[in-house]
Amino acid sequence: MPIIEAHGLTKTYNPDKVPVHALRGVDLTVEKGEFTAIIGPSGSGKTTLLNIIGGLDRPTEGFIKVDGTDLSTLSDNQLIDFRQKNIGFVFQSYNLIPVLNVAENTEFVMLLQKRPKAEREKRVAELLHAVGLDDKMDKRPSELSGGQQQRVAVARALAPKPSFILADEPTANLDSKSAFNLLDIMEQLNREEGITFIFSTHDSRVIERARRVISLVDGQIAKDERR
């Protein structure tokens, strides 16, 4: 069964005033283990599509299933619970909590899920080792470089063992070395652990690594290339 099945996704903002058609009938299937980039010019619908896949927004028309669950059948509270358990998010702006240290930021979602302390500590140690931050566990975000903060964001996204990771412009604020290090880590997690990554990006450094590139133009899929 595909991880993501979307059919006829349409999203129109301000339908009663000056309508903005962000998506126009998008069909999309994503299988487990993909390393996929969604690309396109500003206003093409990339972020809207990512937000609908992640349950952060709802389509005007069409439906989307994640792990076999039709997101339209979930209430807002059910959708929040579903996101916490099934979807990991990595954002351009890191979105770390300034007053928490690296370990606490990483375990935050598991804390919300009321996972046992021993389980949280074990998972945090594994993930921070995987992203090369074993020696930064007690540091606050302000004490880290941008690349290190984004690696914490990846560890936090992976913590609850989601079905897939959505990454919205994850390398946009990073220098080349930090971006390449982050992509190396993501590729390794994808290849060795089968973690599915879906990127929304303008960054050629991400696009070059992707094994599937979906091009959006004016809210529609113009090209879908597998490598």
C-alpha atoms as a PDB file:
ATOM      1  CA  MET A   1       0.000   0.000   0.000  1.00  0.00           C
ATOM      2  CA  PRO A   2       1.376   3.474  -0.869  1.00  0.00           C
ATOM      3  CA  ILE A   3       2.185   5.785   2.038  1.00  0.00           C
ATOM      4  CA  ILE A   4       0.431   8.677   0.278  1.00  0.00           C
ATOM      5  CA  GLU A   5      -2.480   8.557  -2.170  1.00  0.00           C
ATOM      6  CA  ALA A   6      -3.892  11.862  -3.382  1.00  0.00           C
ATOM      7  CA  HIS A   7      -6.589  12.256  -6.024  1.00  0.00           C
ATOM      8  CA  GLY A   8      -8.002  15.421  -7.525  1.00  0.00           C
ATOM      9  CA  LEU A   9      -6.460  17.729  -4.934  1.00  0.00           C
ATOM     10  CA  THR A  10      -7.739  21.243  -5.453  1.00  0.00           C
ATOM     11  CA  LYS A  11      -7.111  24.190  -3.155  1.00  0.00           C
ATOM     12  CA  THR A  12      -8.708  27.575  -3.692  1.00  0.00           C
ATOM     13  CA  TYR A  13      -8.084  30.455  -1.311  1.00  0.00           C
ATOM     14  CA  ASN A  14     -10.548  33.383  -1.008  1.00  0.00           C
ATOM     15  CA  PRO A  15     -13.219  31.610  -3.084  1.00  0.00           C
ATOM     16  CA  ASP A  16     -15.824  34.289  -2.326  1.00  0.00           C
ATOM     17  CA  LYS A  17     -13.608  37.280  -3.163  1.00  0.00           C
ATOM     18  CA  VAL A  18     -10.657  37.101  -5.540  1.00  0.00           C
ATOM     19  CA  PRO A  19     -10.021  33.344  -5.795  1.00  0.00           C
ATOM     20  CA  VAL A  20      -6.447  32.074  -5.781  1.00  0.00           C
ATOM     21  CA  HIS A  21      -6.143  28.589  -7.266  1.00  0.00           C
ATOM     22  CA  ALA A  22      -3.140  27.087  -5.468  1.00  0.00           C
ATOM     23  CA  LEU A  23      -3.761  23.480  -6.615  1.00  0.00           C
ATOM     24  CA  ARG A  24      -5.765  22.338  -9.619  1.00  0.00           C
ATOM     25  CA  GLY A  25      -6.571  18.631  -9.540  1.00  0.00           C
ATOM     26  CA  VAL A  26      -3.319  17.025  -8.373  1.00  0.00           C
ATOM     27  CA  ASP A  27      -3.029  13.213  -8.403  1.00  0.00           C
ATOM     28  CA  LEU A  28      -0.046  11.808  -6.515  1.00  0.00           C
ATOM     29  CA  THR A  29       1.109   8.466  -5.134  1.00  0.00           C
ATOM     30  CA  VAL A  30       4.207   8.065  -2.967  1.00  0.00           C
ATOM     31  CA  GLU A  31       5.622   4.683  -1.996  1.00  0.00           C
ATOM     32  CA  LYS A  32       7.641   3.833   1.108  1.00  0.00           C
ATOM     33  CA  GLY A  33      11.341   4.618   0.820  1.00  0.00           C
ATOM     34  CA  GLU A  34      11.117   7.377  -1.770  1.00  0.00           C
ATOM     35  CA  PHE A  35      13.492  10.363  -1.735  1.00  0.00           C
ATOM     36  CA  THR A  36      11.372  12.869  -3.631  1.00  0.00           C
ATOM     37  CA  ALA A  37      11.683  16.569  -4.426  1.00  0.00           C
ATOM     38  CA  ILE A  38       8.690  18.725  -5.310  1.00  0.00           C
ATOM     39  CA  ILE A  39       9.910  21.700  -7.314  1.00  0.00           C
ATOM     40  CA  GLY A  40       8.481  24.692  -9.130  1.00  0.00           C
ATOM     41  CA  PRO A  41       8.523  28.482  -9.177  1.00  0.00           C
ATOM     42  CA  SER A  42       7.116  30.564  -6.329  1.00  0.00           C
ATOM     43  CA  GLY A  43       3.337  30.344  -6.376  1.00  0.00           C
ATOM     44  CA  SER A  44       3.317  26.959  -8.116  1.00  0.00           C
ATOM     45  CA  GLY A  45       1.645  25.233  -5.163  1.00  0.00           C
ATOM     46  CA  LYS A  46       4.603  23.393  -3.597  1.00  0.00           C
ATOM     47  CA  THR A  47       4.034  24.475  -0.012  1.00  0.00           C
ATOM     48  CA  THR A  48       0.258  24.108  -0.318  1.00  0.00           C
ATOM     49  CA  LEU A  49       0.687  20.523  -1.518  1.00  0.00           C
ATOM     50  CA  LEU A  50       3.126  19.770   1.294  1.00  0.00           C
ATOM     51  CA  ASN A  51       0.746  21.278   3.868  1.00  0.00           C
ATOM     52  CA  ILE A  52      -2.154  19.164   2.609  1.00  0.00           C
ATOM     53  CA  ILE A  53      -0.032  15.992   2.598  1.00  0.00           C
ATOM     54  CA  GLY A  54       0.999  16.829   6.172  1.00  0.00           C
ATOM     55  CA  GLY A  55      -2.535  17.504   7.363  1.00  0.00           C
ATOM     56  CA  LEU A  56      -1.719  21.155   8.087  1.00  0.00           C
ATOM     57  CA  ASP A  57      -4.325  22.276   5.550  1.00  0.00           C
ATOM     58  CA  ARG A  58      -7.368  20.698   3.949  1.00  0.00           C
ATOM     59  CA  PRO A  59      -8.133  20.559   0.212  1.00  0.00           C
ATOM     60  CA  THR A  60     -11.104  22.401  -1.250  1.00  0.00           C
ATOM     61  CA  GLU A  61     -11.825  19.319  -3.363  1.00  0.00           C
ATOM     62  CA  GLY A  62     -10.327  15.851  -3.757  1.00  0.00           C
ATOM     63  CA  PHE A  63      -9.020  13.540  -1.065  1.00  0.00           C
ATOM     64  CA  ILE A  64      -5.768  12.348   0.419  1.00  0.00           C
ATOM     65  CA  LYS A  65      -4.945   9.129   2.230  1.00  0.00           C
ATOM     66  CA  VAL A  66      -1.898   8.733   4.462  1.00  0.00           C
ATOM     67  CA  ASP A  67      -1.101   5.165   5.514  1.00  0.00           C
ATOM     68  CA  GLY A  68      -4.593   4.219   4.346  1.00  0.00           C
ATOM     69  CA  THR A  69      -6.333   6.875   6.456  1.00  0.00           C
ATOM     70  CA  ASP A  70      -8.510   9.395   4.601  1.00  0.00           C
ATOM     71  CA  LEU A  71      -7.539  12.668   6.286  1.00  0.00           C
ATOM     72  CA  SER A  72     -10.899  14.246   5.439  1.00  0.00           C
ATOM     73  CA  THR A  73     -12.601  11.861   7.872  1.00  0.00           C
ATOM     74  CA  LEU A  74     -10.591  13.173  10.844  1.00  0.00           C
ATOM     75  CA  SER A  75     -11.658  16.005  13.132  1.00  0.00           C
ATOM     76  CA  ASP A  76      -9.152  18.781  13.838  1.00  0.00           C
ATOM     77  CA  ASN A  77      -8.100  17.139  17.127  1.00  0.00           C
ATOM     78  CA  GLN A  78      -7.833  13.709  15.495  1.00  0.00           C
ATOM     79  CA  LEU A  79      -5.713  15.269  12.762  1.00  0.00           C
ATOM     80  CA  ILE A  80      -3.325  16.726  15.351  1.00  0.00           C
ATOM     81  CA  ASP A  81      -2.914  13.291  16.950  1.00  0.00           C
ATOM     82  CA  PHE A  82      -2.453  11.677  13.542  1.00  0.00           C
ATOM     83  CA  ARG A  83       0.280  14.165  12.565  1.00  0.00           C
ATOM     84  CA  GLN A  84       2.165  13.605  15.811  1.00  0.00           C
ATOM     85  CA  LYS A  85       2.212   9.847  15.312  1.00  0.00           C
ATOM     86  CA  ASN A  86       2.660   9.537  11.564  1.00  0.00           C
ATOM     87  CA  ILE A  87       4.322  12.588  10.015  1.00  0.00           C
ATOM     88  CA  GLY A  88       7.645  14.283  10.727  1.00  0.00           C
ATOM     89  CA  PHE A  89       8.225  17.909   9.733  1.00  0.00           C
ATOM     90  CA  VAL A  90      11.454  19.772   8.967  1.00  0.00           C
ATOM     91  CA  PHE A  91      11.047  23.483   8.230  1.00  0.00           C
ATOM     92  CA  GLN A  92      13.312  26.118   6.716  1.00  0.00           C
ATOM     93  CA  SER A  93      13.324  28.089   9.985  1.00  0.00           C
ATOM     94  CA  TYR A  94      14.234  25.077  12.222  1.00  0.00           C
ATOM     95  CA  ASN A  95      11.375  25.855  14.700  1.00  0.00           C
ATOM     96  CA  LEU A  96      13.365  24.688  17.714  1.00  0.00           C
ATOM     97  CA  ILE A  97      12.229  25.746  21.188  1.00  0.00           C
ATOM     98  CA  PRO A  98      14.851  28.246  22.464  1.00  0.00           C
ATOM     99  CA  VAL A  99      14.553  27.400  26.181  1.00  0.00           C
ATOM    100  CA  LEU A 100      15.045  23.654  25.605  1.00  0.00           C
ATOM    101  CA  ASN A 101      18.388  21.996  24.998  1.00  0.00           C
ATOM    102  CA  VAL A 102      19.159  19.690  22.084  1.00  0.00           C
ATOM    103  CA  ALA A 103      18.025  16.504  23.859  1.00  0.00           C
ATOM    104  CA  GLU A 104      14.821  18.145  25.100  1.00  0.00           C
ATOM    105  CA  ASN A 105      13.973  19.516  21.653  1.00  0.00           C
ATOM    106  CA  THR A 106      14.534  16.072  20.149  1.00  0.00           C
ATOM    107  CA  GLU A 107      12.256  14.311  22.619  1.00  0.00           C
ATOM    108  CA  PHE A 108       9.533  16.986  22.601  1.00  0.00           C
ATOM    109  CA  VAL A 109       6.994  15.166  20.407  1.00  0.00           C
ATOM    110  CA  MET A 110       7.531  11.917  22.315  1.00  0.00           C
ATOM    111  CA  LEU A 111       6.862  13.849  25.523  1.00  0.00           C
ATOM    112  CA  LEU A 112       3.546  15.053  24.090  1.00  0.00           C
ATOM    113  CA  GLN A 113       2.767  11.436  23.253  1.00  0.00           C
ATOM    114  CA  LYS A 114       3.514  10.444  26.868  1.00  0.00           C
ATOM    115  CA  ARG A 115       6.134   7.884  25.843  1.00  0.00           C
ATOM    116  CA  PRO A 116       8.000   6.289  28.787  1.00  0.00           C
ATOM    117  CA  LYS A 117      11.129   8.142  29.923  1.00  0.00           C
ATOM    118  CA  ALA A 118      13.472   5.224  29.232  1.00  0.00           C
ATOM    119  CA  GLU A 119      12.138   4.898  25.689  1.00  0.00           C
ATOM    120  CA  ARG A 120      12.540   8.642  25.088  1.00  0.00           C
ATOM    121  CA  GLU A 121      16.111   8.713  26.370  1.00  0.00           C
ATOM    122  CA  LYS A 122      17.136   5.700  24.282  1.00  0.00           C
ATOM    123  CA  ARG A 123      15.580   7.141  21.115  1.00  0.00           C
ATOM    124  CA  VAL A 124      17.151  10.567  21.659  1.00  0.00           C
ATOM    125  CA  ALA A 125      20.608   9.043  22.146  1.00  0.00           C
ATOM    126  CA  GLU A 126      20.235   6.960  18.949  1.00  0.00           C
ATOM    127  CA  LEU A 127      19.066   9.891  16.855  1.00  0.00           C
ATOM    128  CA  LEU A 128      21.611  12.421  18.050  1.00  0.00           C
ATOM    129  CA  HIS A 129      24.319   9.873  17.316  1.00  0.00           C
ATOM    130  CA  ALA A 130      22.844   9.373  13.839  1.00  0.00           C
ATOM    131  CA  VAL A 131      22.966  13.116  13.094  1.00  0.00           C
ATOM    132  CA  GLY A 132      26.404  13.574  14.679  1.00  0.00           C
ATOM    133  CA  LEU A 133      25.388  15.640  17.689  1.00  0.00           C
ATOM    134  CA  ASP A 134      26.245  13.301  20.576  1.00  0.00           C
ATOM    135  CA  ASP A 135      28.386  16.006  22.165  1.00  0.00           C
ATOM    136  CA  LYS A 136      25.751  18.764  21.869  1.00  0.00           C
ATOM    137  CA  MET A 137      22.914  17.244  23.900  1.00  0.00           C
ATOM    138  CA  ASP A 138      23.026  19.915  26.610  1.00  0.00           C
ATOM    139  CA  LYS A 139      23.410  22.891  24.267  1.00  0.00           C
ATOM    140  CA  ARG A 140      20.614  25.384  23.587  1.00  0.00           C
ATOM    141  CA  PRO A 141      19.701  26.243  19.959  1.00  0.00           C
ATOM    142  CA  SER A 142      21.391  29.656  20.297  1.00  0.00           C
ATOM    143  CA  GLU A 143      24.701  27.867  20.920  1.00  0.00           C
ATOM    144  CA  LEU A 144      24.514  25.908  17.652  1.00  0.00           C
ATOM    145  CA  SER A 145      25.249  26.754  14.033  1.00  0.00           C
ATOM    146  CA  GLY A 146      22.420  26.812  11.506  1.00  0.00           C
ATOM    147  CA  GLY A 147      23.448  23.421  10.163  1.00  0.00           C
ATOM    148  CA  GLN A 148      23.504  21.920  13.639  1.00  0.00           C
ATOM    149  CA  GLN A 149      20.074  23.359  14.434  1.00  0.00           C
ATOM    150  CA  GLN A 150      18.666  21.816  11.270  1.00  0.00           C
ATOM    151  CA  ARG A 151      20.153  18.438  12.230  1.00  0.00           C
ATOM    152  CA  VAL A 152      18.351  18.720  15.579  1.00  0.00           C
ATOM    153  CA  ALA A 153      15.163  19.443  13.624  1.00  0.00           C
ATOM    154  CA  VAL A 154      15.706  16.248  11.604  1.00  0.00           C
ATOM    155  CA  ALA A 155      16.294  14.225  14.792  1.00  0.00           C
ATOM    156  CA  ARG A 156      13.123  15.686  16.332  1.00  0.00           C
ATOM    157  CA  ALA A 157      11.118  14.836  13.198  1.00  0.00           C
ATOM    158  CA  LEU A 158      12.373  11.239  13.307  1.00  0.00           C
ATOM    159  CA  ALA A 159      11.838  10.766  17.044  1.00  0.00           C
ATOM    160  CA  PRO A 160       8.273   9.362  17.004  1.00  0.00           C
ATOM    161  CA  LYS A 161       9.169   7.009  14.105  1.00  0.00           C
ATOM    162  CA  PRO A 162       6.835   8.633  11.559  1.00  0.00           C
ATOM    163  CA  SER A 163       5.750   7.088   8.282  1.00  0.00           C
ATOM    164  CA  PHE A 164       7.574   9.812   6.361  1.00  0.00           C
ATOM    165  CA  ILE A 165       9.333  13.171   6.668  1.00  0.00           C
ATOM    166  CA  LEU A 166       8.114  16.358   4.983  1.00  0.00           C
ATOM    167  CA  ALA A 167      10.926  18.878   4.530  1.00  0.00           C
ATOM    168  CA  ASP A 168       9.994  22.394   3.382  1.00  0.00           C
ATOM    169  CA  GLU A 169      13.107  24.178   2.023  1.00  0.00           C
ATOM    170  CA  PRO A 170      15.291  22.509   4.689  1.00  0.00           C
ATOM    171  CA  THR A 171      18.584  23.736   3.208  1.00  0.00           C
ATOM    172  CA  ALA A 172      17.543  27.294   2.284  1.00  0.00           C
ATOM    173  CA  ASN A 173      19.282  28.942   5.248  1.00  0.00           C
ATOM    174  CA  LEU A 174      22.402  26.771   5.177  1.00  0.00           C
ATOM    175  CA  ASP A 175      25.826  27.276   3.652  1.00  0.00           C
ATOM    176  CA  SER A 176      27.034  24.672   1.187  1.00  0.00           C
ATOM    177  CA  LYS A 177      29.006  22.579   3.678  1.00  0.00           C
ATOM    178  CA  SER A 178      26.123  22.429   6.161  1.00  0.00           C
ATOM    179  CA  ALA A 179      23.631  21.674   3.382  1.00  0.00           C
ATOM    180  CA  PHE A 180      25.738  18.820   2.009  1.00  0.00           C
ATOM    181  CA  ASN A 181      26.231  17.383   5.516  1.00  0.00           C
ATOM    182  CA  LEU A 182      22.502  17.500   6.183  1.00  0.00           C
ATOM    183  CA  LEU A 183      21.684  15.872   2.837  1.00  0.00           C
ATOM    184  CA  ASP A 184      24.294  13.160   3.471  1.00  0.00           C
ATOM    185  CA  ILE A 185      22.545  12.345   6.768  1.00  0.00           C
ATOM    186  CA  MET A 186      19.099  12.302   5.154  1.00  0.00           C
ATOM    187  CA  GLU A 187      20.288  10.103   2.296  1.00  0.00           C
ATOM    188  CA  GLN A 188      21.905   7.684   4.729  1.00  0.00           C
ATOM    189  CA  LEU A 189      18.696   7.446   6.788  1.00  0.00           C
ATOM    190  CA  ASN A 190      16.724   6.917   3.606  1.00  0.00           C
ATOM    191  CA  ARG A 191      18.975   4.191   2.213  1.00  0.00           C
ATOM    192  CA  GLU A 192      19.826   2.343   5.435  1.00  0.00           C
ATOM    193  CA  GLU A 193      16.565   2.688   7.372  1.00  0.00           C
ATOM    194  CA  GLY A 194      14.073   3.113   4.528  1.00  0.00           C
ATOM    195  CA  ILE A 195      12.814   6.467   5.824  1.00  0.00           C
ATOM    196  CA  THR A 196      10.735   8.299   3.223  1.00  0.00           C
ATOM    197  CA  PHE A 197      11.607  11.945   2.543  1.00  0.00           C
ATOM    198  CA  ILE A 198       9.509  14.423   0.569  1.00  0.00           C
ATOM    199  CA  PHE A 199      11.082  17.833  -0.055  1.00  0.00           C
ATOM    200  CA  SER A 200       9.605  21.104  -1.253  1.00  0.00           C
ATOM    201  CA  THR A 201      12.593  22.982  -2.586  1.00  0.00           C
ATOM    202  CA  HIS A 202      14.214  25.438  -4.986  1.00  0.00           C
ATOM    203  CA  ASP A 203      17.672  24.179  -4.016  1.00  0.00           C
ATOM    204  CA  SER A 204      19.655  22.459  -6.769  1.00  0.00           C
ATOM    205  CA  ARG A 205      21.673  20.674  -4.053  1.00  0.00           C
ATOM    206  CA  VAL A 206      18.517  18.841  -2.970  1.00  0.00           C
ATOM    207  CA  ILE A 207      17.207  18.301  -6.491  1.00  0.00           C
ATOM    208  CA  GLU A 208      20.467  16.639  -7.575  1.00  0.00           C
ATOM    209  CA  ARG A 209      20.140  14.058  -4.770  1.00  0.00           C
ATOM    210  CA  ALA A 210      16.439  13.292  -5.285  1.00  0.00           C
ATOM    211  CA  ARG A 211      15.524  10.023  -6.964  1.00  0.00           C
ATOM    212  CA  ARG A 212      12.149  11.397  -8.005  1.00  0.00           C
ATOM    213  CA  VAL A 213      11.465  14.993  -9.048  1.00  0.00           C
ATOM    214  CA  ILE A 214       7.904  16.296  -9.335  1.00  0.00           C
ATOM    215  CA  SER A 215       7.558  19.656 -11.099  1.00  0.00           C
ATOM    216  CA  LEU A 216       4.564  21.834 -10.276  1.00  0.00           C
ATOM    217  CA  VAL A 217       3.417  24.662 -12.532  1.00  0.00           C
ATOM    218  CA  ASP A 218       0.330  26.737 -11.743  1.00  0.00           C
ATOM    219  CA  GLY A 219      -0.948  24.183  -9.245  1.00  0.00           C
ATOM    220  CA  GLN A 220      -0.640  21.189 -11.558  1.00  0.00           C
ATOM    221  CA  ILE A 221       1.969  18.449 -11.997  1.00  0.00           C
ATOM    222  CA  ALA A 222       3.821  19.334 -15.191  1.00  0.00           C
ATOM    223  CA  LYS A 223       6.451  16.593 -14.949  1.00  0.00           C
ATOM    224  CA  ASP A 224       7.124  13.545 -12.770  1.00  0.00           C
ATOM    225  CA  GLU A 225      10.599  12.125 -13.308  1.00  0.00           C
ATOM    226  CA  ARG A 226      12.072   9.041 -11.633  1.00  0.00           C
ATOM    227  CA  ARG A 227      15.830   8.508 -11.686  1.00  0.00           C
END
